[in-house]
PDB file of N, CA and C in Angstrom:
ATOM      1  N   MET A   1     -33.236  12.725  12.846  1.00  0.00           N
ATOM      2  CA  MET A   1     -31.520  12.190  12.578  1.00  0.00           C
ATOM      3  C   MET A   1     -31.018  13.922  12.697  1.00  0.00           C
ATOM      4  N   GLN A   2     -31.976  14.630  12.581  1.00  0.00           N
ATOM      5  CA  GLN A   2     -31.253  16.084  12.815  1.00  0.00           C
ATOM      6  C   GLN A   2     -30.157  16.104  13.783  1.00  0.00           C
ATOM      7  N   SER A   3     -30.822  15.637  14.748  1.00  0.00           N
ATOM      8  CA  SER A   3     -30.074  15.485  16.345  1.00  0.00           C
ATOM      9  C   SER A   3     -28.574  15.222  16.103  1.00  0.00           C
ATOM     10  N   TYR A   4     -28.973  13.610  15.506  1.00  0.00           N
ATOM     11  CA  TYR A   4     -27.604  12.948  15.136  1.00  0.00           C
ATOM     12  C   TYR A   4     -26.501  13.637  14.444  1.00  0.00           C
ATOM     13  N   VAL A   5     -26.827  14.075  13.514  1.00  0.00           N
ATOM     14  CA  VAL A   5     -25.711  15.087  12.770  1.00  0.00           C
ATOM     15  C   VAL A   5     -25.512  16.043  13.887  1.00  0.00           C
ATOM     16  N   LEU A   6     -26.104  17.190  14.495  1.00  0.00           N
ATOM     17  CA  LEU A   6     -26.185  18.163  15.347  1.00  0.00           C
ATOM     18  C   LEU A   6     -24.812  17.158  16.562  1.00  0.00           C
ATOM     19  N   LEU A   7     -25.206  16.083  17.090  1.00  0.00           N
ATOM     20  CA  LEU A   7     -24.040  15.819  17.858  1.00  0.00           C
ATOM     21  C   LEU A   7     -22.798  15.445  17.622  1.00  0.00           C
ATOM     22  N   LEU A   8     -23.181  14.739  16.146  1.00  0.00           N
ATOM     23  CA  LEU A   8     -21.531  14.477  15.335  1.00  0.00           C
ATOM     24  C   LEU A   8     -20.795  15.899  15.310  1.00  0.00           C
ATOM     25  N   ASN A   9     -21.454  16.470  14.885  1.00  0.00           N
ATOM     26  CA  ASN A   9     -21.216  17.628  14.625  1.00  0.00           C
ATOM     27  C   ASN A   9     -20.392  18.283  15.529  1.00  0.00           C
ATOM     28  N   VAL A  10     -21.018  18.678  16.890  1.00  0.00           N
ATOM     29  CA  VAL A  10     -20.454  19.108  18.064  1.00  0.00           C
ATOM     30  C   VAL A  10     -19.276  18.240  18.482  1.00  0.00           C
ATOM     31  N   VAL A  11     -19.317  17.024  18.726  1.00  0.00           N
ATOM     32  CA  VAL A  11     -18.330  16.328  18.730  1.00  0.00           C
ATOM     33  C   VAL A  11     -16.898  16.434  18.261  1.00  0.00           C
ATOM     34  N   GLN A  12     -17.261  16.469  16.521  1.00  0.00           N
ATOM     35  CA  GLN A  12     -16.108  16.737  15.861  1.00  0.00           C
ATOM     36  C   GLN A  12     -15.284  18.004  16.164  1.00  0.00           C
ATOM     37  N   PHE A  13     -16.014  19.404  16.407  1.00  0.00           N
ATOM     38  CA  PHE A  13     -15.579  20.278  16.671  1.00  0.00           C
ATOM     39  C   PHE A  13     -14.895  20.479  18.041  1.00  0.00           C
ATOM     40  N   VAL A  14     -15.269  19.747  18.926  1.00  0.00           N
ATOM     41  CA  VAL A  14     -14.695  19.576  20.504  1.00  0.00           C
ATOM     42  C   VAL A  14     -13.021  18.779  19.985  1.00  0.00           C
ATOM     43  N   LEU A  15     -13.100  17.488  19.565  1.00  0.00           N
ATOM     44  CA  LEU A  15     -11.920  16.524  18.984  1.00  0.00           C
ATOM     45  C   LEU A  15     -11.254  17.719  18.770  1.00  0.00           C
ATOM     46  N   TYR A  16     -11.749  17.844  17.674  1.00  0.00           N
ATOM     47  CA  TYR A  16     -10.647  19.333  16.536  1.00  0.00           C
ATOM     48  C   TYR A  16      -9.737  19.908  17.565  1.00  0.00           C
ATOM     49  N   ALA A  17     -10.543  20.519  18.078  1.00  0.00           N
ATOM     50  CA  ALA A  17     -10.451  21.976  18.894  1.00  0.00           C
ATOM     51  C   ALA A  17      -9.548  21.509  19.876  1.00  0.00           C
ATOM     52  N   TYR A  18      -9.203  19.545  20.374  1.00  0.00           N
ATOM     53  CA  TYR A  18      -8.166  19.681  21.291  1.00  0.00           C
ATOM     54  C   TYR A  18      -6.899  18.955  20.383  1.00  0.00           C
ATOM     55  N   GLY A  19      -7.472  18.877  19.277  1.00  0.00           N
ATOM     56  CA  GLY A  19      -5.925  18.433  18.635  1.00  0.00           C
ATOM     57  C   GLY A  19      -5.453  19.514  18.122  1.00  0.00           C
ATOM     58  N   TYR A  20      -5.901  20.396  17.883  1.00  0.00           N
ATOM     59  CA  TYR A  20      -5.169  21.884  17.634  1.00  0.00           C
ATOM     60  C   TYR A  20      -4.636  22.645  18.446  1.00  0.00           C
ATOM     61  N   LEU A  21      -5.021  22.431  20.192  1.00  0.00           N
ATOM     62  CA  LEU A  21      -4.644  22.813  21.383  1.00  0.00           C
ATOM     63  C   LEU A  21      -3.532  22.322  21.659  1.00  0.00           C
ATOM     64  N   LEU A  22      -2.675  20.902  21.014  1.00  0.00           N
ATOM     65  CA  LEU A  22      -2.013  19.675  21.354  1.00  0.00           C
ATOM     66  C   LEU A  22      -0.784  20.308  20.202  1.00  0.00           C
ATOM     67  N   ILE A  23      -1.283  20.729  19.361  1.00  0.00           N
ATOM     68  CA  ILE A  23      -0.661  21.598  18.359  1.00  0.00           C
ATOM     69  C   ILE A  23       0.035  22.938  19.069  1.00  0.00           C
ATOM     70  N   ALA A  24      -1.059  23.640  19.225  1.00  0.00           N
ATOM     71  CA  ALA A  24      -0.674  25.375  20.067  1.00  0.00           C
ATOM     72  C   ALA A  24       0.161  24.350  21.105  1.00  0.00           C
ATOM     73  N   THR A  25       0.214  23.685  21.959  1.00  0.00           N
ATOM     74  CA  THR A  25       0.656  23.354  23.196  1.00  0.00           C
ATOM     75  C   THR A  25       2.538  22.902  22.565  1.00  0.00           C
ATOM     76  N   ALA A  26       2.388  22.444  21.594  1.00  0.00           N
ATOM     77  CA  ALA A  26       3.909  22.319  20.832  1.00  0.00           C
ATOM     78  C   ALA A  26       4.464  23.347  20.554  1.00  0.00           C
ATOM     79  N   VAL A  27       4.214  24.545  19.574  1.00  0.00           N
ATOM     80  CA  VAL A  27       4.174  25.531  19.734  1.00  0.00           C
ATOM     81  C   VAL A  27       5.185  26.456  20.669  1.00  0.00           C
ATOM     82  N   LEU A  28       3.770  26.649  21.587  1.00  0.00           N
ATOM     83  CA  LEU A  28       4.373  27.323  22.538  1.00  0.00           C
ATOM     84  C   LEU A  28       5.433  26.658  23.391  1.00  0.00           C
ATOM     85  N   SER A  29       5.662  25.369  23.401  1.00  0.00           N
ATOM     86  CA  SER A  29       6.831  25.057  24.426  1.00  0.00           C
ATOM     87  C   SER A  29       7.890  25.514  23.751  1.00  0.00           C
ATOM     88  N   TRP A  30       8.415  25.653  22.160  1.00  0.00           N
ATOM     89  CA  TRP A  30       9.400  26.303  21.725  1.00  0.00           C
ATOM     90  C   TRP A  30      10.030  27.255  21.849  1.00  0.00           C
ATOM     91  N   VAL A  31       9.053  28.061  23.286  1.00  0.00           N
ATOM     92  CA  VAL A  31       9.505  29.198  23.434  1.00  0.00           C
ATOM     93  C   VAL A  31       9.528  29.507  25.092  1.00  0.00           C
ATOM     94  N   PRO A  32      10.349  29.340  25.665  1.00  0.00           N
ATOM     95  CA  PRO A  32       9.951  29.139  27.201  1.00  0.00           C
ATOM     96  C   PRO A  32       9.659  29.958  27.682  1.00  0.00           C
ATOM     97  N   ASP A  33       9.871  31.113  27.223  1.00  0.00           N
ATOM     98  CA  ASP A  33       9.240  32.400  27.963  1.00  0.00           C
ATOM     99  C   ASP A  33       7.657  32.137  27.866  1.00  0.00           C
ATOM    100  N   LEU A  34       6.841  31.705  26.714  1.00  0.00           N
ATOM    101  CA  LEU A  34       5.529  31.494  26.440  1.00  0.00           C
ATOM    102  C   LEU A  34       5.043  31.114  27.726  1.00  0.00           C
ATOM    103  N   VAL A  35       5.963  29.625  28.119  1.00  0.00           N
ATOM    104  CA  VAL A  35       5.088  29.239  28.315  1.00  0.00           C
ATOM    105  C   VAL A  35       4.793  29.066  30.411  1.00  0.00           C
ATOM    106  N   GLN A  36       5.736  30.201  30.715  1.00  0.00           N
ATOM    107  CA  GLN A  36       5.224  30.489  32.161  1.00  0.00           C
ATOM    108  C   GLN A  36       4.119  31.799  31.852  1.00  0.00           C
ATOM    109  N   THR A  37       3.521  31.362  31.093  1.00  0.00           N
ATOM    110  CA  THR A  37       2.146  33.019  30.917  1.00  0.00           C
ATOM    111  C   THR A  37       1.003  31.790  31.445  1.00  0.00           C
ATOM    112  N   PRO A  38      -0.542  32.808  31.713  1.00  0.00           N
ATOM    113  CA  PRO A  38      -1.128  32.180  31.997  1.00  0.00           C
ATOM    114  C   PRO A  38      -1.460  31.175  30.753  1.00  0.00           C
ATOM    115  N   LEU A  39      -1.561  31.541  30.018  1.00  0.00           N
ATOM    116  CA  LEU A  39      -1.908  31.169  28.575  1.00  0.00           C
ATOM    117  C   LEU A  39      -1.109  29.435  28.476  1.00  0.00           C
ATOM    118  N   GLY A  40       0.034  29.746  28.741  1.00  0.00           N
ATOM    119  CA  GLY A  40       0.995  28.732  28.806  1.00  0.00           C
ATOM    120  C   GLY A  40       0.169  27.689  29.403  1.00  0.00           C
ATOM    121  N   GLN A  41       0.260  27.632  30.561  1.00  0.00           N
ATOM    122  CA  GLN A  41       0.016  26.936  31.692  1.00  0.00           C
ATOM    123  C   GLN A  41      -1.441  26.808  31.792  1.00  0.00           C
ATOM    124  N   LEU A  42      -2.048  27.217  30.879  1.00  0.00           N
ATOM    125  CA  LEU A  42      -3.556  26.577  30.393  1.00  0.00           C
ATOM    126  C   LEU A  42      -3.422  25.224  29.652  1.00  0.00           C
ATOM    127  N   LEU A  43      -2.589  25.940  28.407  1.00  0.00           N
ATOM    128  CA  LEU A  43      -2.686  24.312  27.588  1.00  0.00           C
ATOM    129  C   LEU A  43      -1.733  23.030  27.977  1.00  0.00           C
ATOM    130  N   PHE A  44      -1.281  23.664  29.146  1.00  0.00           N
ATOM    131  CA  PHE A  44      -0.378  22.411  29.212  1.00  0.00           C
ATOM    132  C   PHE A  44      -0.752  21.481  30.116  1.00  0.00           C
ATOM    133  N   THR A  45      -1.751  22.371  31.098  1.00  0.00           N
ATOM    134  CA  THR A  45      -2.559  21.577  32.265  1.00  0.00           C
ATOM    135  C   THR A  45      -4.144  20.730  31.918  1.00  0.00           C
ATOM    136  N   ILE A  46      -4.299  21.145  30.441  1.00  0.00           N
ATOM    137  CA  ILE A  46      -4.745  20.303  29.425  1.00  0.00           C
ATOM    138  C   ILE A  46      -4.713  19.315  28.713  1.00  0.00           C
ATOM    139  N   SER A  47      -3.177  19.404  28.133  1.00  0.00           N
ATOM    140  CA  SER A  47      -2.728  18.474  27.492  1.00  0.00           C
ATOM    141  C   SER A  47      -1.990  17.715  27.759  1.00  0.00           C
ATOM    142  N   ASP A  48      -1.490  18.075  29.354  1.00  0.00           N
ATOM    143  CA  ASP A  48      -0.512  17.146  30.172  1.00  0.00           C
ATOM    144  C   ASP A  48      -1.335  15.795  30.138  1.00  0.00           C
ATOM    145  N   PRO A  49      -2.504  15.792  30.864  1.00  0.00           N
ATOM    146  CA  PRO A  49      -3.151  14.283  30.657  1.00  0.00           C
ATOM    147  C   PRO A  49      -2.746  13.249  29.856  1.00  0.00           C
ATOM    148  N   TYR A  50      -3.054  13.911  28.246  1.00  0.00           N
ATOM    149  CA  TYR A  50      -3.097  12.411  27.364  1.00  0.00           C
ATOM    150  C   TYR A  50      -1.595  12.263  27.167  1.00  0.00           C
ATOM    151  N   LEU A  51      -1.358  13.570  26.827  1.00  0.00           N
ATOM    152  CA  LEU A  51       0.867  12.924  26.863  1.00  0.00           C
ATOM    153  C   LEU A  51       1.435  12.229  28.023  1.00  0.00           C
ATOM    154  N   ALA A  52       0.946  12.550  29.037  1.00  0.00           N
ATOM    155  CA  ALA A  52       1.177  11.675  29.656  1.00  0.00           C
ATOM    156  C   ALA A  52       1.161  10.161  29.560  1.00  0.00           C
ATOM    157  N   LEU A  53       0.422   9.504  28.820  1.00  0.00           N
ATOM    158  CA  LEU A  53      -0.047   8.248  28.742  1.00  0.00           C
ATOM    159  C   LEU A  53       1.368   7.970  27.837  1.00  0.00           C
ATOM    160  N   PHE A  54       1.841   8.674  26.905  1.00  0.00           N
ATOM    161  CA  PHE A  54       2.735   8.212  25.961  1.00  0.00           C
ATOM    162  C   PHE A  54       4.289   8.807  26.688  1.00  0.00           C
ATOM    163  N   ARG A  55       4.347   9.612  27.761  1.00  0.00           N
ATOM    164  CA  ARG A  55       5.470   9.800  27.750  1.00  0.00           C
ATOM    165  C   ARG A  55       6.108   8.640  29.140  1.00  0.00           C
ATOM    166  N   ARG A  56       5.011   7.787  29.518  1.00  0.00           N
ATOM    167  CA  ARG A  56       5.417   7.292  30.664  1.00  0.00           C
ATOM    168  C   ARG A  56       5.994   5.828  30.057  1.00  0.00           C
ATOM    169  N   PHE A  57       5.492   5.750  28.285  1.00  0.00           N
ATOM    170  CA  PHE A  57       6.751   4.679  27.764  1.00  0.00           C
ATOM    171  C   PHE A  57       7.942   4.751  26.685  1.00  0.00           C
ATOM    172  N   LEU A  58       7.388   5.998  26.550  1.00  0.00           N
ATOM    173  CA  LEU A  58       8.645   7.055  25.256  1.00  0.00           C
ATOM    174  C   LEU A  58       9.397   7.735  25.899  1.00  0.00           C
ATOM    175  N   ARG A  59      10.566   7.570  26.700  1.00  0.00           N
ATOM    176  CA  ARG A  59      11.242   8.102  27.327  1.00  0.00           C
ATOM    177  C   ARG A  59      12.300   8.620  26.376  1.00  0.00           C
ATOM    178  N   PRO A  60      12.338  10.279  26.544  1.00  0.00           N
ATOM    179  CA  PRO A  60      13.032  11.401  25.540  1.00  0.00           C
ATOM    180  C   PRO A  60      14.774  10.630  25.183  1.00  0.00           C
ATOM    181  N   VAL A  61      14.859  11.065  24.018  1.00  0.00           N
ATOM    182  CA  VAL A  61      16.028  10.287  23.298  1.00  0.00           C
ATOM    183  C   VAL A  61      17.139  11.581  23.466  1.00  0.00           C
ATOM    184  N   ARG A  62      18.505  10.768  23.486  1.00  0.00           N
ATOM    185  CA  ARG A  62      19.561  11.454  23.968  1.00  0.00           C
ATOM    186  C   ARG A  62      19.989  11.897  22.408  1.00  0.00           C
ATOM    187  N   ILE A  63      20.331  12.861  21.895  1.00  0.00           N
ATOM    188  CA  ILE A  63      21.174  13.047  20.535  1.00  0.00           C
ATOM    189  C   ILE A  63      22.165  14.183  20.331  1.00  0.00           C
ATOM    190  N   GLY A  64      23.353  14.080  21.319  1.00  0.00           N
ATOM    191  CA  GLY A  64      24.095  14.771  21.296  1.00  0.00           C
ATOM    192  C   GLY A  64      23.611  15.181  22.977  1.00  0.00           C
ATOM    193  N   THR A  65      24.122  16.654  23.015  1.00  0.00           N
ATOM    194  CA  THR A  65      23.543  17.171  24.075  1.00  0.00           C
ATOM    195  C   THR A  65      21.974  17.744  24.240  1.00  0.00           C
ATOM    196  N   VAL A  66      21.154  17.578  22.936  1.00  0.00           N
ATOM    197  CA  VAL A  66      19.739  17.944  23.297  1.00  0.00           C
ATOM    198  C   VAL A  66      19.294  16.217  23.298  1.00  0.00           C
ATOM    199  N   MET A  67      18.287  16.556  24.335  1.00  0.00           N
ATOM    200  CA  MET A  67      17.062  15.441  24.630  1.00  0.00           C
ATOM    201  C   MET A  67      15.763  16.244  23.869  1.00  0.00           C
ATOM    202  N   LEU A  68      15.464  14.724  22.967  1.00  0.00           N
ATOM    203  CA  LEU A  68      14.288  14.857  22.018  1.00  0.00           C
ATOM    204  C   LEU A  68      13.419  13.639  22.482  1.00  0.00           C
ATOM    205  N   ASP A  69      11.996  14.677  22.967  1.00  0.00           N
ATOM    206  CA  ASP A  69      10.851  13.995  23.569  1.00  0.00           C
ATOM    207  C   ASP A  69       9.742  13.244  22.161  1.00  0.00           C
ATOM    208  N   LEU A  70      10.092  12.917  21.501  1.00  0.00           N
ATOM    209  CA  LEU A  70       9.367  11.681  20.540  1.00  0.00           C
ATOM    210  C   LEU A  70       7.969  11.645  20.419  1.00  0.00           C
ATOM    211  N   SER A  71       6.979  11.165  22.255  1.00  0.00           N
ATOM    212  CA  SER A  71       5.963  11.113  22.855  1.00  0.00           C
ATOM    213  C   SER A  71       5.112  11.898  22.687  1.00  0.00           C
ATOM    214  N   PHE A  72       5.635  13.376  22.585  1.00  0.00           N
ATOM    215  CA  PHE A  72       4.514  14.431  21.949  1.00  0.00           C
ATOM    216  C   PHE A  72       4.335  13.963  20.559  1.00  0.00           C
ATOM    217  N   ALA A  73       5.122  13.687  19.555  1.00  0.00           N
ATOM    218  CA  ALA A  73       4.719  14.054  18.106  1.00  0.00           C
ATOM    219  C   ALA A  73       3.737  12.371  17.569  1.00  0.00           C
ATOM    220  N   ILE A  74       4.375  11.305  18.691  1.00  0.00           N
ATOM    221  CA  ILE A  74       4.096   9.535  18.561  1.00  0.00           C
ATOM    222  C   ILE A  74       1.978  10.586  19.076  1.00  0.00           C
ATOM    223  N   GLY A  75       2.250  11.096  19.935  1.00  0.00           N
ATOM    224  CA  GLY A  75       0.697  11.097  20.572  1.00  0.00           C
ATOM    225  C   GLY A  75       0.090  11.833  20.000  1.00  0.00           C
ATOM    226  N   VAL A  76       0.631  13.113  19.227  1.00  0.00           N
ATOM    227  CA  VAL A  76      -0.503  14.109  17.979  1.00  0.00           C
ATOM    228  C   VAL A  76      -1.232  13.357  17.014  1.00  0.00           C
ATOM    229  N   VAL A  77       0.045  12.661  16.275  1.00  0.00           N
ATOM    230  CA  VAL A  77      -0.023  11.394  15.362  1.00  0.00           C
ATOM    231  C   VAL A  77      -1.190  10.255  15.616  1.00  0.00           C
ATOM    232  N   VAL A  78      -0.632   9.248  16.910  1.00  0.00           N
ATOM    233  CA  VAL A  78      -2.137   8.726  17.285  1.00  0.00           C
ATOM    234  C   VAL A  78      -3.604   9.154  17.127  1.00  0.00           C
ATOM    235  N   TYR A  79      -3.404  10.252  18.033  1.00  0.00           N
ATOM    236  CA  TYR A  79      -4.972  11.319  18.514  1.00  0.00           C
ATOM    237  C   TYR A  79      -5.926  11.650  16.944  1.00  0.00           C
ATOM    238  N   PHE A  80      -4.490  11.900  16.172  1.00  0.00           N
ATOM    239  CA  PHE A  80      -5.441  12.539  15.149  1.00  0.00           C
ATOM    240  C   PHE A  80      -6.135  11.063  14.013  1.00  0.00           C
ATOM    241  N   ALA A  81      -5.706   9.742  13.794  1.00  0.00           N
ATOM    242  CA  ALA A  81      -5.422   8.736  13.367  1.00  0.00           C
ATOM    243  C   ALA A  81      -6.588   8.103  13.979  1.00  0.00           C
ATOM    244  N   VAL A  82      -6.807   8.085  15.351  1.00  0.00           N
ATOM    245  CA  VAL A  82      -8.099   7.148  16.045  1.00  0.00           C
ATOM    246  C   VAL A  82      -8.740   8.380  16.130  1.00  0.00           C
ATOM    247  N   LEU A  83      -8.877   9.864  15.575  1.00  0.00           N
ATOM    248  CA  LEU A  83      -9.922  10.590  15.786  1.00  0.00           C
ATOM    249  C   LEU A  83     -10.324  11.021  14.364  1.00  0.00           C
ATOM    250  N   THR A  84     -10.269  10.487  13.071  1.00  0.00           N
ATOM    251  CA  THR A  84     -10.428  10.496  11.943  1.00  0.00           C
ATOM    252  C   THR A  84     -11.061   9.184  11.908  1.00  0.00           C
ATOM    253  N   TYR A  85     -10.597   7.824  12.216  1.00  0.00           N
ATOM    254  CA  TYR A  85     -11.146   6.458  11.909  1.00  0.00           C
ATOM    255  C   TYR A  85     -12.450   6.710  12.995  1.00  0.00           C
ATOM    256  N   GLY A  86     -11.925   7.386  13.869  1.00  0.00           N
ATOM    257  CA  GLY A  86     -13.123   7.293  15.082  1.00  0.00           C
ATOM    258  C   GLY A  86     -14.635   7.791  14.621  1.00  0.00           C
ATOM    259  N   LEU A  87     -14.239   9.218  14.191  1.00  0.00           N
ATOM    260  CA  LEU A  87     -15.326  10.252  13.303  1.00  0.00           C
ATOM    261  C   LEU A  87     -15.893   9.443  12.298  1.00  0.00           C
ATOM    262  N   SER A  88     -15.514   8.830  11.868  1.00  0.00           N
ATOM    263  CA  SER A  88     -15.692   7.947  10.395  1.00  0.00           C
ATOM    264  C   SER A  88     -16.843   7.212  10.564  1.00  0.00           C
ATOM    265  N   VAL A  89     -16.422   5.910  12.180  1.00  0.00           N
ATOM    266  CA  VAL A  89     -16.981   5.093  12.470  1.00  0.00           C
ATOM    267  C   VAL A  89     -18.258   5.719  13.138  1.00  0.00           C
ATOM    268  N   LEU A  90     -17.971   6.989  13.758  1.00  0.00           N
ATOM    269  CA  LEU A  90     -19.419   6.869  14.520  1.00  0.00           C
ATOM    270  C   LEU A  90     -20.363   7.563  13.912  1.00  0.00           C
ATOM    271  N   SER A  91     -19.921   8.295  12.348  1.00  0.00           N
ATOM    272  CA  SER A  91     -20.714   9.088  11.105  1.00  0.00           C
ATOM    273  C   SER A  91     -21.928   7.364  10.743  1.00  0.00           C
ATOM    274  N   SER A  92     -20.817   6.619  10.738  1.00  0.00           N
ATOM    275  CA  SER A  92     -21.366   5.275   9.714  1.00  0.00           C
ATOM    276  C   SER A  92     -22.448   4.548  10.265  1.00  0.00           C
ATOM    277  N   LEU A  93     -22.379   4.274  11.911  1.00  0.00           N
ATOM    278  CA  LEU A  93     -23.111   3.991  12.835  1.00  0.00           C
ATOM    279  C   LEU A  93     -24.611   5.132  13.439  1.00  0.00           C
ATOM    280  N   LEU A  94     -24.612   6.368  13.093  1.00  0.00           N
ATOM    281  CA  LEU A  94     -25.366   7.316  13.295  1.00  0.00           C
ATOM    282  C   LEU A  94     -26.369   6.935  11.780  1.00  0.00           C
ATOM    283  N   ARG A  95     -25.780   6.869  10.714  1.00  0.00           N
ATOM    284  CA  ARG A  95     -26.375   6.698  10.024  1.00  0.00           C
ATOM    285  C   ARG A  95     -27.065   5.891   9.960  1.00  0.00           C
ATOM    286  N   GLY A  96     -26.957   5.326   9.902  1.00  0.00           N
ATOM    287  CA  GLY A  96     -27.591   3.259   9.855  1.00  0.00           C
ATOM    288  C   GLY A  96     -27.315   2.826   8.846  1.00  0.00           C
TER     289      GLY A  96
END
């Protein structure tokens, strides 16, 4: 039983870390000079495959002269919703 709890904690840590990485990517994207740094490139390399799933279906919305990419916001909301529900189900399954 203890190994399942440890496994669940490790999975939870990794998944939440990726969620925070997504948020860090959003913050970094607001500062164009930081996007070109090695850290910025690493964050975008890690987060882009997931976000590309949403960008494929949700095109940026033009508001005046600004293009607003809603795919990121929807991607993060979906990620945390599935994460919360998925961890709850996984926890229930492991507890028996």
